[in-house]
C-alpha cells in the first residue's frame, strides 16, 4: 500500500512539474522553442541567394 501511494505521489509531482516548466503558456519551454523556431524561419526566408 505504501509503494502505491509513493508511486501516485511521484506521478503527481511529475505532472505538476511538466505543466509548470514545459507547457506553461508564455514562459514555458514549448513556447520558447516555438518562438525561436519562428525567428529562425523568418531569418532563413529573408536570406538572398
N, C-alpha and C. Protein backbone atom coordinates (compact mmCIF):
# COMPACT_ATOMS: atom_id res chain seq x y z
N UNK A 1 0.82 -1.19 0.00
CA UNK A 1 0.00 0.00 0.00
C UNK A 1 0.87 1.26 0.00
N UNK A 2 1.93 1.22 0.75
CA UNK A 2 2.82 2.39 0.81
C UNK A 2 3.50 2.62 -0.53
N UNK A 3 3.86 1.54 -1.21
CA UNK A 3 4.51 1.68 -2.52
C UNK A 3 3.57 2.31 -3.54
N UNK A 4 2.31 1.95 -3.49
CA UNK A 4 1.33 2.52 -4.42
C UNK A 4 1.18 4.01 -4.14
N UNK A 5 1.10 4.38 -2.88
CA UNK A 5 0.97 5.79 -2.51
C UNK A 5 2.18 6.58 -2.98
N UNK A 6 3.36 6.07 -2.79
CA UNK A 6 4.58 6.75 -3.22
C UNK A 6 4.59 6.91 -4.74
N UNK A 7 4.16 5.90 -5.46
CA UNK A 7 4.12 5.95 -6.92
C UNK A 7 3.13 7.01 -7.40
N UNK A 8 1.96 7.04 -6.80
CA UNK A 8 0.95 8.03 -7.18
C UNK A 8 1.45 9.44 -6.88
N UNK A 9 2.06 9.63 -5.73
CA UNK A 9 2.58 10.95 -5.38
C UNK A 9 3.68 11.38 -6.34
N UNK A 10 4.54 10.45 -6.73
CA UNK A 10 5.61 10.75 -7.68
C UNK A 10 5.03 11.15 -9.03
N UNK A 11 4.00 10.45 -9.48
CA UNK A 11 3.35 10.79 -10.74
C UNK A 11 2.72 12.18 -10.68
N UNK A 12 2.11 12.51 -9.56
CA UNK A 12 1.51 13.84 -9.41
C UNK A 12 2.59 14.92 -9.49
N UNK A 13 3.71 14.69 -8.84
CA UNK A 13 4.81 15.66 -8.88
C UNK A 13 5.33 15.82 -10.31
N UNK A 14 5.48 14.73 -11.04
CA UNK A 14 5.96 14.80 -12.42
C UNK A 14 4.98 15.58 -13.29
N UNK A 15 3.70 15.35 -13.12
CA UNK A 15 2.70 16.06 -13.91
C UNK A 15 2.72 17.55 -13.60
N UNK A 16 2.82 17.90 -12.33
CA UNK A 16 2.87 19.32 -11.95
C UNK A 16 4.12 19.98 -12.52
N UNK A 17 5.27 19.31 -12.43
CA UNK A 17 6.49 19.88 -12.97
C UNK A 17 6.40 20.06 -14.48
N UNK A 18 5.83 19.07 -15.17
CA UNK A 18 5.67 19.18 -16.62
C UNK A 18 4.82 20.39 -16.97
N UNK A 19 3.71 20.56 -16.26
CA UNK A 19 2.81 21.67 -16.56
C UNK A 19 3.44 23.02 -16.26
N UNK A 20 4.25 23.12 -15.23
CA UNK A 20 4.82 24.42 -14.88
C UNK A 20 6.08 24.74 -15.68
N UNK A 21 6.81 23.74 -16.11
CA UNK A 21 8.08 24.00 -16.81
C UNK A 21 7.90 23.98 -18.32
N UNK A 22 7.24 22.98 -18.84
CA UNK A 22 7.20 22.78 -20.29
C UNK A 22 5.95 23.38 -20.92
N UNK A 23 4.82 23.15 -20.34
CA UNK A 23 3.57 23.51 -21.02
C UNK A 23 3.01 24.86 -20.61
N UNK A 24 3.73 25.66 -19.86
CA UNK A 24 3.22 26.97 -19.46
C UNK A 24 3.02 27.84 -20.70
N UNK A 25 1.98 28.67 -20.69
CA UNK A 25 1.54 29.39 -21.88
C UNK A 25 2.61 30.29 -22.48
N UNK A 26 3.14 31.23 -21.73
CA UNK A 26 4.01 32.24 -22.33
C UNK A 26 5.48 32.05 -21.99
N UNK A 27 5.80 31.42 -20.88
CA UNK A 27 7.20 31.30 -20.48
C UNK A 27 7.69 29.86 -20.45
N UNK A 28 6.88 28.94 -20.91
CA UNK A 28 7.28 27.54 -20.89
C UNK A 28 8.27 27.20 -21.99
N UNK A 29 8.86 26.04 -21.86
CA UNK A 29 9.86 25.60 -22.82
C UNK A 29 9.25 25.47 -24.22
N UNK A 30 8.04 24.94 -24.31
CA UNK A 30 7.40 24.78 -25.62
C UNK A 30 7.23 26.14 -26.29
N UNK A 31 6.80 27.12 -25.54
CA UNK A 31 6.61 28.47 -26.09
C UNK A 31 7.93 29.06 -26.57
N UNK A 32 8.98 28.87 -25.80
CA UNK A 32 10.29 29.41 -26.18
C UNK A 32 10.83 28.72 -27.43
N UNK A 33 10.63 27.42 -27.55
CA UNK A 33 11.09 26.70 -28.74
C UNK A 33 10.32 27.18 -29.97
N UNK A 34 9.00 27.36 -29.83
CA UNK A 34 8.21 27.86 -30.96
C UNK A 34 8.65 29.26 -31.36
N UNK A 35 8.93 30.09 -30.39
CA UNK A 35 9.37 31.46 -30.67
C UNK A 35 10.70 31.47 -31.40
N UNK A 36 11.65 30.67 -30.93
CA UNK A 36 12.96 30.61 -31.58
C UNK A 36 12.85 30.00 -32.98
N UNK A 37 11.98 29.02 -33.14
CA UNK A 37 11.77 28.41 -34.46
C UNK A 37 11.18 29.40 -35.45
N UNK A 38 10.21 30.18 -35.00
CA UNK A 38 9.62 31.19 -35.86
C UNK A 38 10.66 32.23 -36.25
N UNK A 39 11.47 32.64 -35.31
CA UNK A 39 12.53 33.61 -35.59
C UNK A 39 13.53 33.05 -36.60
N UNK A 40 13.91 31.79 -36.42
CA UNK A 40 14.86 31.17 -37.35
C UNK A 40 14.25 31.05 -38.74
N UNK A 41 12.96 30.67 -38.83
CA UNK A 41 12.30 30.57 -40.14
C UNK A 41 12.25 31.92 -40.83
N UNK A 42 11.99 32.96 -40.07
CA UNK A 42 11.94 34.31 -40.65
C UNK A 42 13.31 34.70 -41.19
N UNK A 43 14.35 34.45 -40.42
CA UNK A 43 15.71 34.80 -40.87
C UNK A 43 16.09 34.00 -42.11
N UNK A 44 15.76 32.73 -42.15
CA UNK A 44 16.10 31.88 -43.30
C UNK A 44 15.35 32.35 -44.54
N UNK A 45 14.08 32.70 -44.37
CA UNK A 45 13.28 33.13 -45.53
C UNK A 45 13.77 34.47 -46.08
N UNK A 46 14.46 35.26 -45.27
CA UNK A 46 14.94 36.57 -45.73
C UNK A 46 16.32 36.51 -46.37
N UNK A 47 16.94 35.34 -46.37
CA UNK A 47 18.26 35.22 -47.00
C UNK A 47 18.15 35.35 -48.51
N UNK A 48 19.09 36.02 -49.08
CA UNK A 48 19.11 36.16 -50.53
C UNK A 48 20.13 35.21 -51.13
N UNK A 49 19.78 34.55 -52.23
CA UNK A 49 20.74 33.59 -52.84
C UNK A 49 21.88 34.31 -53.54
